[in-house]
Amino acid sequence: MGTIELTKRQGQILEIVRTEGPITGEQIADQLGLTRATLRPDLAILTMAGFLEARPRVGYFYAGKKNGQIFGEQLRKMLIKEHKAVPIVIAENTSVYDAIVTMFMEDVGTIFVVKDHGILAGVVSRKDLLKVAIGKQDTHEVPVSLTMTRMPNIVTLTGDETVYDGAKKLIDYQIDSIPVVKPLDDSGRTLEVIGRFTKTTIAKIFVELGENKEV
């Protein structure tokens, strides 16, 4: 097959998709100030020639990139605030016994411990609670504040970080849940808990991407 000579407009389309893909035909048309119908032949040629790859409900990708790169780019475009789950929180004076019950009822492996107004104080895991439960202390008497990991030794995420950032922190720190927080002062020490980001969240996004759904 001989070398295909691209028109100036096809070159512009290719550059837009290369730098901003995945991107829809409508978005490409908007950037070039043209209608979608005008671009349709160019997009068809570029796709058939193997320059671009089109996926339903997702848009056009630059086919010169490996799927792994495309997947990584999508994760870097998704923000934590769009994919966070509802946080499971308890007060500092909650007993270890009640924390265990909450963990069982909510079916989570980590609970966030908060002060007044939802301010993050600590994080308590299954392992933290188990240490007390198998010891000689009374789980009804011991508050979670004595066994939790305290600030500032807690890994956190803000809503404006990306899903890729969140996934990397989960792996790097070998944890299964991260509090999503909103700093309430310039020091960054007063953090309001607004969500959670977990390995389950990652699995759900992974499946949705695999099904080519918009996430």
C-alpha atoms as a PDB file:
ATOM      1  CA  MET A   1       0.000   0.000   0.000  1.00  0.00           C
ATOM      2  CA  GLY A   2       1.458   3.357  -0.994  1.00  0.00           C
ATOM      3  CA  THR A   3       1.900   6.317   1.333  1.00  0.00           C
ATOM      4  CA  ILE A   4      -1.329   8.249   1.839  1.00  0.00           C
ATOM      5  CA  GLU A   5      -0.999  11.990   1.335  1.00  0.00           C
ATOM      6  CA  LEU A   6      -3.082  13.741   3.987  1.00  0.00           C
ATOM      7  CA  THR A   7      -4.879  16.987   3.271  1.00  0.00           C
ATOM      8  CA  LYS A   8      -4.193  19.957   5.533  1.00  0.00           C
ATOM      9  CA  ARG A   9      -7.536  19.416   7.271  1.00  0.00           C
ATOM     10  CA  GLN A  10      -6.850  15.710   7.821  1.00  0.00           C
ATOM     11  CA  GLY A  11      -3.499  16.648   9.331  1.00  0.00           C
ATOM     12  CA  GLN A  12      -5.252  19.075  11.682  1.00  0.00           C
ATOM     13  CA  ILE A  13      -7.761  16.387  12.720  1.00  0.00           C
ATOM     14  CA  LEU A  14      -4.949  13.920  13.383  1.00  0.00           C
ATOM     15  CA  GLU A  15      -3.081  16.413  15.557  1.00  0.00           C
ATOM     16  CA  ILE A  16      -6.210  17.240  17.595  1.00  0.00           C
ATOM     17  CA  VAL A  17      -6.913  13.546  18.250  1.00  0.00           C
ATOM     18  CA  ARG A  18      -3.230  12.831  18.968  1.00  0.00           C
ATOM     19  CA  THR A  19      -3.096  15.495  21.699  1.00  0.00           C
ATOM     20  CA  GLU A  20      -6.656  15.410  23.072  1.00  0.00           C
ATOM     21  CA  GLY A  21      -8.109  11.956  22.329  1.00  0.00           C
ATOM     22  CA  PRO A  22     -10.382  10.301  23.150  1.00  0.00           C
ATOM     23  CA  ILE A  23     -12.496  13.023  21.541  1.00  0.00           C
ATOM     24  CA  THR A  24     -15.846  12.988  19.732  1.00  0.00           C
ATOM     25  CA  GLY A  25     -16.430  14.009  16.120  1.00  0.00           C
ATOM     26  CA  GLU A  26     -18.566  16.909  17.367  1.00  0.00           C
ATOM     27  CA  GLN A  27     -15.710  18.204  19.529  1.00  0.00           C
ATOM     28  CA  ILE A  28     -13.250  17.979  16.631  1.00  0.00           C
ATOM     29  CA  ALA A  29     -15.696  19.849  14.383  1.00  0.00           C
ATOM     30  CA  ASP A  30     -16.170  22.581  17.014  1.00  0.00           C
ATOM     31  CA  GLN A  31     -12.407  23.124  17.274  1.00  0.00           C
ATOM     32  CA  LEU A  32     -12.079  23.498  13.503  1.00  0.00           C
ATOM     33  CA  GLY A  33     -15.196  25.652  13.195  1.00  0.00           C
ATOM     34  CA  LEU A  34     -16.823  23.157  10.849  1.00  0.00           C
ATOM     35  CA  THR A  35     -19.925  20.969  10.891  1.00  0.00           C
ATOM     36  CA  ARG A  36     -19.819  17.290  11.810  1.00  0.00           C
ATOM     37  CA  ALA A  37     -21.180  16.446   8.351  1.00  0.00           C
ATOM     38  CA  THR A  38     -18.280  18.280   6.668  1.00  0.00           C
ATOM     39  CA  LEU A  39     -15.740  16.267   8.655  1.00  0.00           C
ATOM     40  CA  ARG A  40     -17.418  12.878   8.213  1.00  0.00           C
ATOM     41  CA  PRO A  41     -15.529  11.905   4.991  1.00  0.00           C
ATOM     42  CA  ASP A  42     -12.174  12.927   6.504  1.00  0.00           C
ATOM     43  CA  LEU A  43     -12.841  10.955   9.694  1.00  0.00           C
ATOM     44  CA  ALA A  44     -13.898   7.921   7.632  1.00  0.00           C
ATOM     45  CA  ILE A  45     -10.700   8.077   5.531  1.00  0.00           C
ATOM     46  CA  LEU A  46      -8.442   8.478   8.581  1.00  0.00           C
ATOM     47  CA  THR A  47     -10.183   5.581  10.348  1.00  0.00           C
ATOM     48  CA  MET A  48     -10.073   3.246   7.334  1.00  0.00           C
ATOM     49  CA  ALA A  49      -6.411   4.114   6.738  1.00  0.00           C
ATOM     50  CA  GLY A  50      -5.615   3.088  10.316  1.00  0.00           C
ATOM     51  CA  PHE A  51      -4.597   6.539  11.568  1.00  0.00           C
ATOM     52  CA  LEU A  52      -7.572   6.769  13.925  1.00  0.00           C
ATOM     53  CA  GLU A  53      -9.593   4.259  15.879  1.00  0.00           C
ATOM     54  CA  ALA A  54     -13.277   4.928  16.681  1.00  0.00           C
ATOM     55  CA  ARG A  55     -15.117   3.483  19.660  1.00  0.00           C
ATOM     56  CA  PRO A  56     -18.881   3.798  20.279  1.00  0.00           C
ATOM     57  CA  ARG A  57     -19.862   6.388  22.916  1.00  0.00           C
ATOM     58  CA  VAL A  58     -16.194   7.168  23.602  1.00  0.00           C
ATOM     59  CA  GLY A  59     -14.888   8.843  20.458  1.00  0.00           C
ATOM     60  CA  TYR A  60     -11.762   8.839  18.310  1.00  0.00           C
ATOM     61  CA  PHE A  61      -8.310   7.672  19.441  1.00  0.00           C
ATOM     62  CA  TYR A  62      -4.966   8.104  17.734  1.00  0.00           C
ATOM     63  CA  ALA A  63      -4.262   4.542  16.561  1.00  0.00           C
ATOM     64  CA  GLY A  64      -0.507   5.030  16.795  1.00  0.00           C
ATOM     65  CA  LYS A  65      -0.816   4.646  20.543  1.00  0.00           C
ATOM     66  CA  LYS A  66      -0.951   1.341  22.333  1.00  0.00           C
ATOM     67  CA  ASN A  67      -4.166   0.465  24.175  1.00  0.00           C
ATOM     68  CA  GLY A  68      -2.304   0.753  27.478  1.00  0.00           C
ATOM     69  CA  GLN A  69      -1.437   4.361  26.708  1.00  0.00           C
ATOM     70  CA  ILE A  70      -5.038   5.126  25.780  1.00  0.00           C
ATOM     71  CA  PHE A  71      -6.262   3.478  28.994  1.00  0.00           C
ATOM     72  CA  GLY A  72      -3.733   5.446  31.063  1.00  0.00           C
ATOM     73  CA  GLU A  73      -4.736   8.714  29.432  1.00  0.00           C
ATOM     74  CA  GLN A  74      -8.389   8.084  30.221  1.00  0.00           C
ATOM     75  CA  LEU A  75      -7.543   7.427  33.885  1.00  0.00           C
ATOM     76  CA  ARG A  76      -5.571  10.700  33.972  1.00  0.00           C
ATOM     77  CA  LYS A  77      -8.582  12.620  32.636  1.00  0.00           C
ATOM     78  CA  MET A  78     -11.042  11.246  35.226  1.00  0.00           C
ATOM     79  CA  LEU A  79     -11.230  13.242  38.449  1.00  0.00           C
ATOM     80  CA  ILE A  80     -11.636  11.744  41.918  1.00  0.00           C
ATOM     81  CA  LYS A  81     -14.605  14.040  42.652  1.00  0.00           C
ATOM     82  CA  GLU A  82     -16.541  12.392  39.803  1.00  0.00           C
ATOM     83  CA  HIS A  83     -15.877   8.834  41.020  1.00  0.00           C
ATOM     84  CA  LYS A  84     -15.675   8.985  44.825  1.00  0.00           C
ATOM     85  CA  ALA A  85     -18.005   6.891  46.987  1.00  0.00           C
ATOM     86  CA  VAL A  86     -19.894   7.919  50.133  1.00  0.00           C
ATOM     87  CA  PRO A  87     -17.512   7.844  53.143  1.00  0.00           C
ATOM     88  CA  ILE A  88     -18.173   5.576  56.131  1.00  0.00           C
ATOM     89  CA  VAL A  89     -17.309   7.625  59.235  1.00  0.00           C
ATOM     90  CA  ILE A  90     -17.454   7.297  63.016  1.00  0.00           C
ATOM     91  CA  ALA A  91     -16.665   9.668  65.904  1.00  0.00           C
ATOM     92  CA  GLU A  92     -13.378   9.545  67.847  1.00  0.00           C
ATOM     93  CA  ASN A  93     -15.078   8.330  71.032  1.00  0.00           C
ATOM     94  CA  THR A  94     -16.794   5.375  69.308  1.00  0.00           C
ATOM     95  CA  SER A  95     -15.898   2.068  70.955  1.00  0.00           C
ATOM     96  CA  VAL A  96     -13.900  -0.565  69.103  1.00  0.00           C
ATOM     97  CA  TYR A  97     -16.939  -2.859  69.478  1.00  0.00           C
ATOM     98  CA  ASP A  98     -19.241  -0.381  67.700  1.00  0.00           C
ATOM     99  CA  ALA A  99     -16.584   0.209  65.037  1.00  0.00           C
ATOM    100  CA  ILE A 100     -16.453  -3.544  64.347  1.00  0.00           C
ATOM    101  CA  VAL A 101     -20.265  -3.643  64.055  1.00  0.00           C
ATOM    102  CA  THR A 102     -20.208  -0.651  61.657  1.00  0.00           C
ATOM    103  CA  MET A 103     -17.494  -2.275  59.546  1.00  0.00           C
ATOM    104  CA  PHE A 104     -19.516  -5.496  59.337  1.00  0.00           C
ATOM    105  CA  MET A 105     -22.826  -3.762  58.564  1.00  0.00           C
ATOM    106  CA  GLU A 106     -21.331  -1.461  55.919  1.00  0.00           C
ATOM    107  CA  ASP A 107     -19.156  -4.248  54.452  1.00  0.00           C
ATOM    108  CA  VAL A 108     -16.000  -2.115  54.308  1.00  0.00           C
ATOM    109  CA  GLY A 109     -12.409  -2.759  55.327  1.00  0.00           C
ATOM    110  CA  THR A 110     -11.610   0.773  56.479  1.00  0.00           C
ATOM    111  CA  ILE A 111     -13.540   3.408  58.423  1.00  0.00           C
ATOM    112  CA  PHE A 112     -12.655   7.101  58.700  1.00  0.00           C
ATOM    113  CA  VAL A 113     -12.658   8.624  62.175  1.00  0.00           C
ATOM    114  CA  VAL A 114     -13.838  12.228  62.357  1.00  0.00           C
ATOM    115  CA  LYS A 115     -14.008  15.095  64.831  1.00  0.00           C
ATOM    116  CA  ASP A 116     -16.822  17.648  64.876  1.00  0.00           C
ATOM    117  CA  HIS A 117     -17.984  18.939  61.474  1.00  0.00           C
ATOM    118  CA  GLY A 118     -16.570  15.893  59.671  1.00  0.00           C
ATOM    119  CA  ILE A 119     -12.923  16.858  60.180  1.00  0.00           C
ATOM    120  CA  LEU A 120     -10.579  13.911  59.555  1.00  0.00           C
ATOM    121  CA  ALA A 121      -8.915  12.664  62.761  1.00  0.00           C
ATOM    122  CA  GLY A 122      -7.820   9.166  61.809  1.00  0.00           C
ATOM    123  CA  VAL A 123      -8.350   5.970  59.859  1.00  0.00           C
ATOM    124  CA  VAL A 124      -9.097   2.570  61.383  1.00  0.00           C
ATOM    125  CA  SER A 125      -8.655  -0.715  59.488  1.00  0.00           C
ATOM    126  CA  ARG A 126      -9.730  -4.320  60.074  1.00  0.00           C
ATOM    127  CA  LYS A 127      -6.215  -5.066  61.306  1.00  0.00           C
ATOM    128  CA  ASP A 128      -6.359  -2.210  63.869  1.00  0.00           C
ATOM    129  CA  LEU A 129      -9.639  -3.491  65.282  1.00  0.00           C
ATOM    130  CA  LEU A 130      -8.495  -7.099  65.265  1.00  0.00           C
ATOM    131  CA  LYS A 131      -5.479  -6.230  67.434  1.00  0.00           C
ATOM    132  CA  VAL A 132      -7.817  -4.995  70.175  1.00  0.00           C
ATOM    133  CA  ALA A 133     -10.382  -7.780  69.669  1.00  0.00           C
ATOM    134  CA  ILE A 134      -7.829 -10.579  70.183  1.00  0.00           C
ATOM    135  CA  GLY A 135      -6.118  -8.801  73.071  1.00  0.00           C
ATOM    136  CA  LYS A 136      -7.218  -8.661  76.697  1.00  0.00           C
ATOM    137  CA  GLN A 137      -8.851  -5.239  76.463  1.00  0.00           C
ATOM    138  CA  ASP A 138     -12.636  -4.800  76.510  1.00  0.00           C
ATOM    139  CA  THR A 139     -13.773  -3.771  73.019  1.00  0.00           C
ATOM    140  CA  HIS A 140     -16.761  -1.975  74.588  1.00  0.00           C
ATOM    141  CA  GLU A 141     -14.451   0.241  76.648  1.00  0.00           C
ATOM    142  CA  VAL A 142     -11.593   1.020  74.251  1.00  0.00           C
ATOM    143  CA  PRO A 143     -12.271   4.001  71.924  1.00  0.00           C
ATOM    144  CA  VAL A 144     -11.127   3.737  68.297  1.00  0.00           C
ATOM    145  CA  SER A 145      -8.947   6.803  68.862  1.00  0.00           C
ATOM    146  CA  LEU A 146      -6.479   4.526  70.715  1.00  0.00           C
ATOM    147  CA  THR A 147      -5.963   2.127  67.814  1.00  0.00           C
ATOM    148  CA  MET A 148      -6.428   4.279  64.686  1.00  0.00           C
ATOM    149  CA  THR A 149      -3.772   5.772  62.430  1.00  0.00           C
ATOM    150  CA  ARG A 150      -3.718   9.508  63.146  1.00  0.00           C
ATOM    151  CA  MET A 151      -3.173  12.612  61.102  1.00  0.00           C
ATOM    152  CA  PRO A 152      -0.749  13.541  59.618  1.00  0.00           C
ATOM    153  CA  ASN A 153       0.199   9.916  58.889  1.00  0.00           C
ATOM    154  CA  ILE A 154      -2.817   9.386  56.622  1.00  0.00           C
ATOM    155  CA  VAL A 155      -2.791   9.155  52.839  1.00  0.00           C
ATOM    156  CA  THR A 156      -5.504  11.419  51.396  1.00  0.00           C
ATOM    157  CA  LEU A 157      -6.870  12.536  48.035  1.00  0.00           C
ATOM    158  CA  THR A 158      -8.565  15.743  46.946  1.00  0.00           C
ATOM    159  CA  GLY A 159     -11.429  15.878  44.461  1.00  0.00           C
ATOM    160  CA  ASP A 160      -9.231  17.502  41.803  1.00  0.00           C
ATOM    161  CA  GLU A 161      -6.676  14.686  41.739  1.00  0.00           C
ATOM    162  CA  THR A 162      -7.104  12.052  39.038  1.00  0.00           C
ATOM    163  CA  VAL A 163      -8.263   8.445  39.196  1.00  0.00           C
ATOM    164  CA  TYR A 164      -4.718   7.507  38.135  1.00  0.00           C
ATOM    165  CA  ASP A 165      -3.316   9.400  41.172  1.00  0.00           C
ATOM    166  CA  GLY A 166      -5.760   7.531  43.414  1.00  0.00           C
ATOM    167  CA  ALA A 167      -4.934   4.116  41.973  1.00  0.00           C
ATOM    168  CA  LYS A 168      -1.197   4.775  42.322  1.00  0.00           C
ATOM    169  CA  LYS A 169      -1.582   5.742  45.991  1.00  0.00           C
ATOM    170  CA  LEU A 170      -3.622   2.607  46.731  1.00  0.00           C
ATOM    171  CA  ILE A 171      -0.837   0.469  45.242  1.00  0.00           C
ATOM    172  CA  ASP A 172       2.152   2.444  46.551  1.00  0.00           C
ATOM    173  CA  TYR A 173       0.897   2.513  50.144  1.00  0.00           C
ATOM    174  CA  GLN A 174      -0.692  -0.976  50.018  1.00  0.00           C
ATOM    175  CA  ILE A 175      -4.045   0.194  51.367  1.00  0.00           C
ATOM    176  CA  ASP A 176      -7.599  -0.517  50.243  1.00  0.00           C
ATOM    177  CA  SER A 177      -9.317   2.819  50.898  1.00  0.00           C
ATOM    178  CA  ILE A 178      -8.339   6.507  50.867  1.00  0.00           C
ATOM    179  CA  PRO A 179     -10.345   9.406  52.329  1.00  0.00           C
ATOM    180  CA  VAL A 180     -11.281  12.092  49.813  1.00  0.00           C
ATOM    181  CA  VAL A 181     -10.906  15.418  51.594  1.00  0.00           C
ATOM    182  CA  LYS A 182     -11.451  19.143  51.203  1.00  0.00           C
ATOM    183  CA  PRO A 183      -8.813  21.353  52.921  1.00  0.00           C
ATOM    184  CA  LEU A 184     -10.493  23.995  55.096  1.00  0.00           C
ATOM    185  CA  ASP A 185      -7.423  26.133  55.731  1.00  0.00           C
ATOM    186  CA  ASP A 186      -4.134  27.092  54.063  1.00  0.00           C
ATOM    187  CA  SER A 187      -2.072  24.830  56.325  1.00  0.00           C
ATOM    188  CA  GLY A 188      -3.696  21.736  54.819  1.00  0.00           C
ATOM    189  CA  ARG A 189      -4.074  20.187  58.281  1.00  0.00           C
ATOM    190  CA  THR A 190      -7.816  20.725  58.707  1.00  0.00           C
ATOM    191  CA  LEU A 191      -9.437  18.354  56.254  1.00  0.00           C
ATOM    192  CA  GLU A 192     -13.150  17.718  55.819  1.00  0.00           C
ATOM    193  CA  VAL A 193     -14.002  14.178  54.693  1.00  0.00           C
ATOM    194  CA  ILE A 194     -16.170  14.332  51.556  1.00  0.00           C
ATOM    195  CA  GLY A 195     -15.800  10.803  50.154  1.00  0.00           C
ATOM    196  CA  ARG A 196     -13.739   7.656  49.817  1.00  0.00           C
ATOM    197  CA  PHE A 197     -11.763   6.106  46.976  1.00  0.00           C
ATOM    198  CA  THR A 198     -11.219   2.348  47.080  1.00  0.00           C
ATOM    199  CA  LYS A 199      -9.917  -0.658  45.184  1.00  0.00           C
ATOM    200  CA  THR A 200     -13.565  -1.509  44.499  1.00  0.00           C
ATOM    201  CA  THR A 201     -13.970   1.887  42.788  1.00  0.00           C
ATOM    202  CA  ILE A 202     -10.991   1.077  40.557  1.00  0.00           C
ATOM    203  CA  ALA A 203     -12.435  -2.336  39.668  1.00  0.00           C
ATOM    204  CA  LYS A 204     -15.770  -0.731  38.706  1.00  0.00           C
ATOM    205  CA  ILE A 205     -14.056   1.864  36.462  1.00  0.00           C
ATOM    206  CA  PHE A 206     -11.915  -0.876  34.901  1.00  0.00           C
ATOM    207  CA  VAL A 207     -15.002  -2.914  33.975  1.00  0.00           C
ATOM    208  CA  GLU A 208     -16.825   0.131  32.574  1.00  0.00           C
ATOM    209  CA  LEU A 209     -13.820   1.070  30.423  1.00  0.00           C
ATOM    210  CA  GLY A 210     -13.596  -2.523  29.225  1.00  0.00           C
ATOM    211  CA  GLU A 211     -17.221  -2.347  28.112  1.00  0.00           C
ATOM    212  CA  ASN A 212     -16.516   0.927  26.263  1.00  0.00           C
ATOM    213  CA  LYS A 213     -19.074   2.747  28.368  1.00  0.00           C
ATOM    214  CA  GLU A 214     -18.762   6.376  29.286  1.00  0.00           C
ATOM    215  CA  VAL A 215     -17.637   6.568  32.899  1.00  0.00           C
END
